[in-house]
Amino acid sequence: MSRLLYSVAVSADGFIAGPGGDMSWLSAHVGPNPVVDELIGQVGSILAGNRTFRGDDPYRGTEKEGEAFGGGWAGPQFVLTHHIPDNPAPGVTFLGDLSSAVAAAKAAAGGKYVNVLGADVARQCLEAGVLDEVLTIVAPVLLGDGVRLFEHPGGTNVRLERLRVGHVPHAVNIWYRVVS
């Protein structure tokens, strides 16, 4: 059975993107990471939000631009959006509601992970009770503003169980299970 995993690089102060969705900060903190290398082989599909799909790319201006995991992964991608384009992108399915998007991504994942990309989609998955795990790759940088890892106006308490922690020279990997 495919599980949903929100994997994300995050600044030490809890931002996944800078102001306006700027991802350029990340390029200075991308480096060899055995946990990410292992994860890539375990991902069967991607479920992303529209802003993430169409947003800033930390690999902008390189041969890896526009590629999932910087070109390290290829497979079916599903984008949750209120504005389904007239001209779809190859290998990408656009869906208008969370339950259909989750079902399609899980079916396509073939028992592997559905990798969730985008803070808003991850929040929606948490609220719907379908997010199983969270992998945060904490980079040693403070951004001060931007898109938060998780935001819930009024607050909430989402319990996480730490599954594993690992260190690489440029990041700390923390893998959690969402506790129901």
N, C-alpha and C. Protein backbone atom coordinates (compact mmCIF):
# COMPACT_ATOMS: atom_id res chain seq x y z
N MET A 1 0.84 -1.18 0.00
CA MET A 1 0.00 0.00 0.00
C MET A 1 0.88 1.24 0.00
N SER A 2 0.65 2.13 -0.92
CA SER A 2 1.44 3.37 -1.01
C SER A 2 1.13 4.29 0.15
N ARG A 3 2.18 4.94 0.66
CA ARG A 3 2.04 5.91 1.74
C ARG A 3 2.39 7.29 1.22
N LEU A 4 1.82 8.31 1.84
CA LEU A 4 2.11 9.69 1.48
C LEU A 4 3.20 10.23 2.39
N LEU A 5 4.26 10.76 1.78
CA LEU A 5 5.41 11.31 2.48
C LEU A 5 5.61 12.75 2.02
N TYR A 6 5.58 13.68 2.96
CA TYR A 6 5.92 15.07 2.69
C TYR A 6 7.42 15.20 2.92
N SER A 7 8.20 15.30 1.85
CA SER A 7 9.64 15.49 1.99
C SER A 7 9.96 16.91 1.57
N VAL A 8 10.81 17.55 2.39
CA VAL A 8 11.01 18.97 2.18
C VAL A 8 12.33 19.44 2.78
N ALA A 9 12.99 20.32 2.06
CA ALA A 9 14.15 21.03 2.62
C ALA A 9 13.60 22.25 3.34
N VAL A 10 14.16 22.53 4.51
CA VAL A 10 13.65 23.61 5.34
C VAL A 10 14.83 24.35 5.98
N SER A 11 14.67 25.66 6.11
CA SER A 11 15.69 26.44 6.81
C SER A 11 15.59 26.15 8.30
N ALA A 12 16.63 26.50 9.04
CA ALA A 12 16.63 26.24 10.49
C ALA A 12 15.52 27.01 11.20
N ASP A 13 15.00 28.08 10.58
CA ASP A 13 13.90 28.82 11.18
C ASP A 13 12.55 28.46 10.60
N GLY A 14 12.47 27.34 9.87
CA GLY A 14 11.18 26.78 9.49
C GLY A 14 10.57 27.22 8.17
N PHE A 15 11.38 27.74 7.24
CA PHE A 15 10.85 28.16 5.96
C PHE A 15 11.31 27.22 4.84
N ILE A 16 10.38 26.86 3.94
CA ILE A 16 10.73 26.00 2.82
C ILE A 16 11.03 26.81 1.56
N ALA A 17 10.62 28.05 1.57
CA ALA A 17 10.92 28.98 0.47
C ALA A 17 11.03 30.37 1.07
N GLY A 18 11.77 31.21 0.41
CA GLY A 18 11.91 32.58 0.87
C GLY A 18 10.70 33.41 0.45
N PRO A 19 10.76 34.71 0.65
CA PRO A 19 9.66 35.59 0.26
C PRO A 19 9.31 35.41 -1.22
N GLY A 20 8.02 35.38 -1.50
CA GLY A 20 7.55 35.23 -2.87
C GLY A 20 7.80 33.85 -3.45
N GLY A 21 8.10 32.87 -2.60
CA GLY A 21 8.36 31.51 -3.09
C GLY A 21 9.77 31.30 -3.60
N ASP A 22 10.68 32.21 -3.29
CA ASP A 22 12.06 32.13 -3.77
C ASP A 22 12.75 30.87 -3.25
N MET A 23 13.23 30.05 -4.19
CA MET A 23 13.92 28.81 -3.83
C MET A 23 15.43 28.90 -4.05
N SER A 24 15.92 30.06 -4.46
CA SER A 24 17.35 30.17 -4.77
C SER A 24 18.23 29.89 -3.55
N TRP A 25 17.73 30.10 -2.35
CA TRP A 25 18.50 29.84 -1.14
C TRP A 25 18.96 28.38 -1.06
N LEU A 26 18.15 27.49 -1.62
CA LEU A 26 18.41 26.06 -1.47
C LEU A 26 19.63 25.58 -2.24
N SER A 27 19.93 26.20 -3.37
CA SER A 27 21.03 25.72 -4.22
C SER A 27 22.37 25.69 -3.47
N ALA A 28 22.57 26.60 -2.53
CA ALA A 28 23.81 26.62 -1.76
C ALA A 28 23.87 25.50 -0.72
N HIS A 29 22.74 24.82 -0.50
CA HIS A 29 22.67 23.81 0.56
C HIS A 29 22.36 22.41 0.02
N VAL A 30 22.38 22.26 -1.28
CA VAL A 30 22.15 20.95 -1.88
C VAL A 30 23.49 20.26 -2.03
N GLY A 31 23.56 19.07 -1.55
CA GLY A 31 24.80 18.30 -1.66
C GLY A 31 24.48 16.84 -1.48
N PRO A 32 25.48 16.01 -1.50
CA PRO A 32 25.24 14.58 -1.34
C PRO A 32 24.47 14.29 -0.04
N ASN A 33 23.44 13.47 -0.18
CA ASN A 33 22.61 13.13 0.97
C ASN A 33 22.11 11.70 0.79
N PRO A 34 22.70 10.74 1.47
CA PRO A 34 22.31 9.34 1.29
C PRO A 34 20.83 9.08 1.56
N VAL A 35 20.22 9.82 2.48
CA VAL A 35 18.80 9.63 2.76
C VAL A 35 17.97 10.01 1.54
N VAL A 36 18.32 11.12 0.91
CA VAL A 36 17.60 11.54 -0.30
C VAL A 36 17.86 10.55 -1.43
N ASP A 37 19.10 10.11 -1.58
CA ASP A 37 19.41 9.13 -2.62
C ASP A 37 18.59 7.86 -2.44
N GLU A 38 18.46 7.41 -1.21
CA GLU A 38 17.65 6.22 -0.90
C GLU A 38 16.18 6.49 -1.18
N LEU A 39 15.70 7.66 -0.79
CA LEU A 39 14.30 8.01 -0.98
C LEU A 39 13.91 8.02 -2.46
N ILE A 40 14.76 8.55 -3.31
CA ILE A 40 14.44 8.66 -4.73
C ILE A 40 14.00 7.31 -5.30
N GLY A 41 14.65 6.23 -4.93
CA GLY A 41 14.29 4.91 -5.41
C GLY A 41 13.01 4.38 -4.81
N GLN A 42 12.52 5.02 -3.74
CA GLN A 42 11.31 4.57 -3.07
C GLN A 42 10.08 5.39 -3.47
N VAL A 43 10.25 6.40 -4.32
CA VAL A 43 9.14 7.25 -4.75
C VAL A 43 8.52 6.69 -6.02
N GLY A 44 7.22 6.47 -5.97
CA GLY A 44 6.50 5.95 -7.13
C GLY A 44 5.74 7.03 -7.88
N SER A 45 5.37 8.10 -7.21
CA SER A 45 4.69 9.22 -7.85
C SER A 45 4.87 10.46 -6.99
N ILE A 46 4.56 11.59 -7.60
CA ILE A 46 4.64 12.88 -6.90
C ILE A 46 3.26 13.52 -6.91
N LEU A 47 2.89 14.09 -5.76
CA LEU A 47 1.68 14.89 -5.64
C LEU A 47 2.13 16.28 -5.22
N ALA A 48 1.95 17.25 -6.10
CA ALA A 48 2.43 18.61 -5.84
C ALA A 48 1.29 19.61 -5.95
N GLY A 49 1.46 20.72 -5.30
CA GLY A 49 0.54 21.82 -5.45
C GLY A 49 0.89 22.62 -6.69
N ASN A 50 -0.05 23.40 -7.16
CA ASN A 50 0.15 24.20 -8.37
C ASN A 50 1.29 25.20 -8.20
N ARG A 51 1.35 25.87 -7.03
CA ARG A 51 2.43 26.84 -6.80
C ARG A 51 3.79 26.17 -6.81
N THR A 52 3.87 24.98 -6.25
CA THR A 52 5.14 24.25 -6.27
C THR A 52 5.50 23.83 -7.68
N PHE A 53 4.52 23.30 -8.41
CA PHE A 53 4.76 22.83 -9.77
C PHE A 53 5.21 23.98 -10.68
N ARG A 54 4.57 25.12 -10.56
CA ARG A 54 4.86 26.25 -11.44
C ARG A 54 5.82 27.26 -10.81
N GLY A 55 6.27 26.98 -9.60
CA GLY A 55 7.04 27.96 -8.84
C GLY A 55 8.51 28.02 -9.18
N ASP A 56 9.20 28.70 -8.31
CA ASP A 56 10.64 28.90 -8.45
C ASP A 56 11.34 27.55 -8.36
N ASP A 57 12.45 27.42 -9.05
CA ASP A 57 13.19 26.17 -9.11
C ASP A 57 14.60 26.40 -8.57
N PRO A 58 15.01 25.63 -7.52
CA PRO A 58 16.35 25.83 -6.99
C PRO A 58 17.44 25.49 -8.02
N TYR A 59 17.09 24.78 -9.08
CA TYR A 59 18.04 24.41 -10.12
C TYR A 59 17.94 25.34 -11.34
N ARG A 60 17.27 26.47 -11.19
CA ARG A 60 17.09 27.40 -12.30
C ARG A 60 18.43 27.75 -12.94
N GLY A 61 18.44 27.70 -14.26
CA GLY A 61 19.65 28.05 -15.00
C GLY A 61 20.64 26.92 -15.15
N THR A 62 20.28 25.71 -14.69
CA THR A 62 21.16 24.56 -14.84
C THR A 62 20.46 23.49 -15.67
N GLU A 63 21.20 22.46 -16.01
CA GLU A 63 20.61 21.36 -16.78
C GLU A 63 19.58 20.57 -15.96
N LYS A 64 19.54 20.78 -14.65
CA LYS A 64 18.59 20.08 -13.78
C LYS A 64 17.27 20.84 -13.60
N GLU A 65 17.16 22.03 -14.19
CA GLU A 65 15.97 22.86 -14.02
C GLU A 65 14.72 22.11 -14.49
N GLY A 66 13.67 22.20 -13.67
CA GLY A 66 12.38 21.60 -14.02
C GLY A 66 12.28 20.11 -13.78
N GLU A 67 13.31 19.52 -13.22
CA GLU A 67 13.33 18.07 -13.00
C GLU A 67 13.15 17.76 -11.52
N ALA A 68 12.31 16.77 -11.23
CA ALA A 68 12.11 16.35 -9.85
C ALA A 68 13.42 15.81 -9.29
N PHE A 69 13.71 16.21 -8.04
CA PHE A 69 14.95 15.81 -7.38
C PHE A 69 16.16 16.16 -8.24
N GLY A 70 16.10 17.28 -8.94
CA GLY A 70 17.22 17.72 -9.76
C GLY A 70 17.55 16.77 -10.89
N GLY A 71 16.55 16.05 -11.38
CA GLY A 71 16.76 15.11 -12.47
C GLY A 71 17.02 13.69 -12.00
N GLY A 72 17.04 13.47 -10.70
CA GLY A 72 17.31 12.15 -10.17
C GLY A 72 16.12 11.21 -10.18
N TRP A 73 14.94 11.72 -10.48
CA TRP A 73 13.72 10.91 -10.44
C TRP A 73 12.87 11.24 -11.66
N ALA A 74 12.21 10.23 -12.18
CA ALA A 74 11.24 10.42 -13.26
C ALA A 74 10.07 9.49 -12.99
N GLY A 75 8.87 9.96 -13.28
CA GLY A 75 7.69 9.14 -13.07
C GLY A 75 6.44 10.00 -13.12
N PRO A 76 5.30 9.40 -12.76
CA PRO A 76 4.04 10.13 -12.84
C PRO A 76 3.93 11.23 -11.79
N GLN A 77 3.46 12.38 -12.25
CA GLN A 77 3.29 13.52 -11.35
C GLN A 77 1.83 13.97 -11.41
N PHE A 78 1.31 14.34 -10.25
CA PHE A 78 -0.06 14.79 -10.12
C PHE A 78 -0.03 16.16 -9.46
N VAL A 79 -0.74 17.10 -10.05
CA VAL A 79 -0.75 18.48 -9.55
C VAL A 79 -2.17 18.82 -9.12
N LEU A 80 -2.30 19.22 -7.87
CA LEU A 80 -3.58 19.65 -7.32
C LEU A 80 -3.73 21.14 -7.62
N THR A 81 -4.77 21.48 -8.37
CA THR A 81 -4.95 22.88 -8.78
C THR A 81 -6.43 23.20 -9.00
N HIS A 82 -6.75 24.47 -8.82
CA HIS A 82 -8.10 24.96 -9.13
C HIS A 82 -8.19 25.41 -10.59
N HIS A 83 -7.05 25.44 -11.27
CA HIS A 83 -6.99 25.94 -12.64
C HIS A 83 -6.31 24.91 -13.54
N ILE A 84 -7.07 23.95 -14.00
CA ILE A 84 -6.51 22.91 -14.86
C ILE A 84 -6.20 23.53 -16.22
N PRO A 85 -4.95 23.40 -16.68
CA PRO A 85 -4.54 24.05 -17.93
C PRO A 85 -5.17 23.38 -19.16
N ASP A 86 -5.32 24.18 -20.20
CA ASP A 86 -5.83 23.66 -21.47
C ASP A 86 -4.80 22.77 -22.14
N ASN A 87 -3.53 23.10 -21.98
CA ASN A 87 -2.44 22.33 -22.58
C ASN A 87 -1.63 21.66 -21.47
N PRO A 88 -1.96 20.40 -21.16
CA PRO A 88 -1.24 19.74 -20.07
C PRO A 88 0.22 19.47 -20.40
N ALA A 89 1.00 19.29 -19.37
CA ALA A 89 2.43 18.97 -19.51
C ALA A 89 2.59 17.46 -19.62
N PRO A 90 3.54 16.99 -20.41
CA PRO A 90 3.76 15.54 -20.53
C PRO A 90 4.10 14.90 -19.18
N GLY A 91 3.46 13.78 -18.87
CA GLY A 91 3.72 13.06 -17.64
C GLY A 91 3.09 13.66 -16.40
N VAL A 92 2.28 14.71 -16.58
CA VAL A 92 1.67 15.40 -15.45
C VAL A 92 0.16 15.36 -15.61
N THR A 93 -0.52 14.96 -14.53
CA THR A 93 -1.98 14.95 -14.50
C THR A 93 -2.42 16.04 -13.54
N PHE A 94 -3.31 16.90 -13.99
CA PHE A 94 -3.83 17.99 -13.16
C PHE A 94 -5.20 17.58 -12.65
N LEU A 95 -5.42 17.73 -11.34
CA LEU A 95 -6.67 17.34 -10.71
C LEU A 95 -7.17 18.46 -9.82
N GLY A 96 -8.48 18.57 -9.71
CA GLY A 96 -9.08 19.69 -9.00
C GLY A 96 -9.47 19.44 -7.56
N ASP A 97 -9.41 18.19 -7.08
CA ASP A 97 -9.76 17.96 -5.69
C ASP A 97 -8.79 16.98 -5.04
N LEU A 98 -8.61 17.15 -3.75
CA LEU A 98 -7.60 16.39 -3.02
C LEU A 98 -7.85 14.89 -3.06
N SER A 99 -9.07 14.46 -2.84
CA SER A 99 -9.31 13.02 -2.77
C SER A 99 -9.01 12.33 -4.09
N SER A 100 -9.38 12.95 -5.21
CA SER A 100 -9.06 12.37 -6.52
C SER A 100 -7.56 12.37 -6.77
N ALA A 101 -6.90 13.45 -6.38
CA ALA A 101 -5.45 13.55 -6.59
C ALA A 101 -4.71 12.51 -5.77
N VAL A 102 -5.10 12.33 -4.51
CA VAL A 102 -4.46 11.33 -3.64
C VAL A 102 -4.70 9.93 -4.20
N ALA A 103 -5.94 9.63 -4.58
CA ALA A 103 -6.25 8.30 -5.11
C ALA A 103 -5.46 8.00 -6.38
N ALA A 104 -5.37 8.97 -7.29
CA ALA A 104 -4.64 8.76 -8.54
C ALA A 104 -3.14 8.59 -8.28
N ALA A 105 -2.60 9.42 -7.39
CA ALA A 105 -1.17 9.35 -7.08
C ALA A 105 -0.83 8.02 -6.40
N LYS A 106 -1.69 7.56 -5.49
CA LYS A 106 -1.44 6.28 -4.82
C LYS A 106 -1.52 5.12 -5.81
N ALA A 107 -2.49 5.16 -6.70
CA ALA A 107 -2.62 4.09 -7.69
C ALA A 107 -1.38 4.04 -8.59
N ALA A 108 -0.89 5.20 -8.97
CA ALA A 108 0.27 5.26 -9.86
C ALA A 108 1.58 4.90 -9.15
N ALA A 109 1.62 5.06 -7.83
CA ALA A 109 2.85 4.83 -7.08
C ALA A 109 3.21 3.35 -6.99
N GLY A 110 2.26 2.47 -7.22
CA GLY A 110 2.55 1.04 -7.24
C GLY A 110 3.15 0.50 -5.95
N GLY A 111 2.66 0.96 -4.81
CA GLY A 111 3.16 0.47 -3.54
C GLY A 111 4.33 1.27 -2.99
N LYS A 112 4.90 2.14 -3.80
CA LYS A 112 5.99 3.01 -3.33
C LYS A 112 5.38 4.28 -2.73
N TYR A 113 6.25 5.18 -2.29
CA TYR A 113 5.78 6.43 -1.71
C TYR A 113 5.14 7.33 -2.76
N VAL A 114 4.12 8.06 -2.32
CA VAL A 114 3.65 9.25 -3.01
C VAL A 114 4.39 10.39 -2.31
N ASN A 115 5.26 11.07 -3.04
CA ASN A 115 6.03 12.16 -2.46
C ASN A 115 5.24 13.45 -2.59
N VAL A 116 4.86 14.02 -1.47
CA VAL A 116 4.07 15.25 -1.45
C VAL A 116 5.02 16.43 -1.46
N LEU A 117 4.78 17.35 -2.39
CA LEU A 117 5.59 18.56 -2.51
C LEU A 117 4.69 19.78 -2.42
N GLY A 118 5.04 20.68 -1.55
CA GLY A 118 4.27 21.91 -1.38
C GLY A 118 3.61 21.98 -0.02
N ALA A 119 3.81 23.09 0.66
CA ALA A 119 3.30 23.27 2.02
C ALA A 119 1.78 23.20 2.09
N ASP A 120 1.10 23.81 1.12
CA ASP A 120 -0.36 23.82 1.18
C ASP A 120 -0.95 22.44 0.94
N VAL A 121 -0.41 21.70 -0.01
CA VAL A 121 -0.89 20.34 -0.26
C VAL A 121 -0.61 19.46 0.95
N ALA A 122 0.57 19.60 1.55
CA ALA A 122 0.89 18.82 2.75
C ALA A 122 -0.09 19.14 3.87
N ARG A 123 -0.41 20.42 4.05
CA ARG A 123 -1.37 20.82 5.09
C ARG A 123 -2.73 20.20 4.81
N GLN A 124 -3.17 20.24 3.55
CA GLN A 124 -4.46 19.64 3.20
C GLN A 124 -4.45 18.14 3.46
N CYS A 125 -3.34 17.48 3.14
CA CYS A 125 -3.23 16.04 3.39
C CYS A 125 -3.29 15.73 4.89
N LEU A 126 -2.63 16.57 5.69
CA LEU A 126 -2.69 16.40 7.15
C LEU A 126 -4.12 16.56 7.64
N GLU A 127 -4.80 17.62 7.19
CA GLU A 127 -6.17 17.87 7.63
C GLU A 127 -7.11 16.75 7.22
N ALA A 128 -6.86 16.13 6.06
CA ALA A 128 -7.69 15.03 5.57
C ALA A 128 -7.32 13.69 6.22
N GLY A 129 -6.21 13.66 6.98
CA GLY A 129 -5.79 12.44 7.64
C GLY A 129 -5.14 11.42 6.72
N VAL A 130 -4.57 11.89 5.58
CA VAL A 130 -3.98 10.95 4.63
C VAL A 130 -2.45 11.04 4.56
N LEU A 131 -1.85 11.99 5.26
CA LEU A 131 -0.39 12.10 5.26
C LEU A 131 0.18 11.13 6.29
N ASP A 132 1.11 10.27 5.84
CA ASP A 132 1.67 9.24 6.71
C ASP A 132 2.99 9.62 7.36
N GLU A 133 3.87 10.30 6.60
CA GLU A 133 5.21 10.57 7.09
C GLU A 133 5.68 11.95 6.63
N VAL A 134 6.68 12.47 7.34
CA VAL A 134 7.29 13.76 7.01
C VAL A 134 8.80 13.58 7.11
N LEU A 135 9.51 13.98 6.06
CA LEU A 135 10.97 14.01 6.07
C LEU A 135 11.39 15.46 5.91
N THR A 136 12.02 16.01 6.96
CA THR A 136 12.55 17.37 6.88
C THR A 136 14.05 17.29 6.74
N ILE A 137 14.56 18.02 5.79
CA ILE A 137 16.00 18.13 5.56
C ILE A 137 16.36 19.55 5.97
N VAL A 138 16.87 19.70 7.17
CA VAL A 138 17.08 21.02 7.77
C VAL A 138 18.45 21.55 7.34
N ALA A 139 18.41 22.66 6.62
CA ALA A 139 19.64 23.31 6.13
C ALA A 139 20.10 24.36 7.14
N PRO A 140 21.41 24.54 7.28
CA PRO A 140 21.94 25.50 8.24
C PRO A 140 21.89 26.94 7.72
N VAL A 141 20.69 27.47 7.65
CA VAL A 141 20.49 28.84 7.18
C VAL A 141 19.23 29.39 7.84
N LEU A 142 19.21 30.69 8.08
CA LEU A 142 18.02 31.37 8.59
C LEU A 142 17.51 32.28 7.49
N LEU A 143 16.26 32.11 7.08
CA LEU A 143 15.69 32.94 6.02
C LEU A 143 14.92 34.14 6.56
N GLY A 144 14.29 34.00 7.72
CA GLY A 144 13.60 35.12 8.33
C GLY A 144 12.21 35.40 7.81
N ASP A 145 11.87 34.92 6.62
CA ASP A 145 10.55 35.18 6.04
C ASP A 145 10.36 34.22 4.87
N GLY A 146 9.11 34.02 4.52
CA GLY A 146 8.83 33.18 3.35
C GLY A 146 7.69 32.22 3.60
N VAL A 147 7.76 31.08 2.96
CA VAL A 147 6.73 30.05 3.06
C VAL A 147 7.13 29.10 4.18
N ARG A 148 6.26 28.99 5.16
CA ARG A 148 6.54 28.14 6.31
C ARG A 148 6.41 26.65 5.96
N LEU A 149 7.14 25.83 6.67
CA LEU A 149 7.06 24.38 6.53
C LEU A 149 5.62 23.91 6.72
N PHE A 150 4.98 24.43 7.75
CA PHE A 150 3.59 24.09 8.06
C PHE A 150 2.96 25.30 8.70
N GLU A 151 1.81 25.67 8.20
CA GLU A 151 1.10 26.81 8.77
C GLU A 151 -0.36 26.45 8.90
N HIS A 152 -0.90 26.73 10.08
CA HIS A 152 -2.31 26.47 10.34
C HIS A 152 -2.83 27.64 11.16
N PRO A 153 -3.52 28.60 10.51
CA PRO A 153 -4.01 29.77 11.24
C PRO A 153 -4.80 29.35 12.48
N GLY A 154 -4.47 29.97 13.59
CA GLY A 154 -5.11 29.63 14.85
C GLY A 154 -4.38 28.52 15.59
N GLY A 155 -3.44 27.87 14.88
CA GLY A 155 -2.64 26.82 15.50
C GLY A 155 -3.31 25.46 15.51
N THR A 156 -2.53 24.47 15.74
CA THR A 156 -3.00 23.09 15.86
C THR A 156 -1.87 22.29 16.50
N ASN A 157 -2.12 21.05 16.78
CA ASN A 157 -1.11 20.20 17.39
C ASN A 157 -1.08 18.89 16.62
N VAL A 158 -0.17 18.79 15.68
CA VAL A 158 -0.02 17.57 14.89
C VAL A 158 1.12 16.79 15.53
N ARG A 159 0.79 15.63 16.06
CA ARG A 159 1.81 14.81 16.73
C ARG A 159 2.61 14.02 15.71
N LEU A 160 3.93 14.02 15.92
CA LEU A 160 4.85 13.29 15.06
C LEU A 160 5.70 12.38 15.92
N GLU A 161 5.98 11.19 15.39
CA GLU A 161 6.89 10.27 16.05
C GLU A 161 8.18 10.22 15.24
N ARG A 162 9.29 10.52 15.88
CA ARG A 162 10.58 10.51 15.18
C ARG A 162 10.95 9.08 14.84
N LEU A 163 11.21 8.82 13.54
CA LEU A 163 11.61 7.49 13.09
C LEU A 163 13.12 7.38 12.99
N ARG A 164 13.76 8.44 12.46
CA ARG A 164 15.22 8.42 12.35
C ARG A 164 15.76 9.82 12.15
N VAL A 165 17.01 9.99 12.57
CA VAL A 165 17.71 11.26 12.43
C VAL A 165 19.07 10.95 11.85
N GLY A 166 19.50 11.76 10.90
CA GLY A 166 20.81 11.57 10.31
C GLY A 166 21.44 12.91 9.97
N HIS A 167 22.77 12.94 9.99
CA HIS A 167 23.51 14.17 9.73
C HIS A 167 24.37 13.99 8.49
N VAL A 168 24.38 15.00 7.66
CA VAL A 168 25.33 15.12 6.56
C VAL A 168 25.98 16.48 6.73
N PRO A 169 27.09 16.77 6.07
CA PRO A 169 27.79 18.03 6.32
C PRO A 169 26.94 19.29 6.14
N HIS A 170 25.95 19.23 5.29
CA HIS A 170 25.18 20.44 4.97
C HIS A 170 23.73 20.38 5.45
N ALA A 171 23.34 19.37 6.23
CA ALA A 171 21.94 19.27 6.65
C ALA A 171 21.77 18.23 7.74
N VAL A 172 20.60 18.29 8.36
CA VAL A 172 20.17 17.27 9.31
C VAL A 172 18.86 16.71 8.76
N ASN A 173 18.80 15.40 8.60
CA ASN A 173 17.58 14.74 8.13
C ASN A 173 16.79 14.24 9.33
N ILE A 174 15.52 14.61 9.39
CA ILE A 174 14.66 14.11 10.46
C ILE A 174 13.42 13.51 9.81
N TRP A 175 13.23 12.22 10.00
CA TRP A 175 12.11 11.49 9.38
C TRP A 175 11.10 11.17 10.49
N TYR A 176 9.84 11.55 10.26
CA TYR A 176 8.77 11.36 11.23
C TYR A 176 7.65 10.51 10.65
N ARG A 177 6.89 9.91 11.55
CA ARG A 177 5.61 9.29 11.22
C ARG A 177 4.55 10.19 11.82
N VAL A 178 3.49 10.46 11.06
CA VAL A 178 2.37 11.25 11.58
C VAL A 178 1.56 10.33 12.50
N VAL A 179 1.35 10.76 13.73
CA VAL A 179 0.62 9.98 14.71
C VAL A 179 -0.86 10.35 14.60
N SER A 180 -1.69 9.36 14.37
CA SER A 180 -3.14 9.63 14.24
C SER A 180 -3.79 9.85 15.57
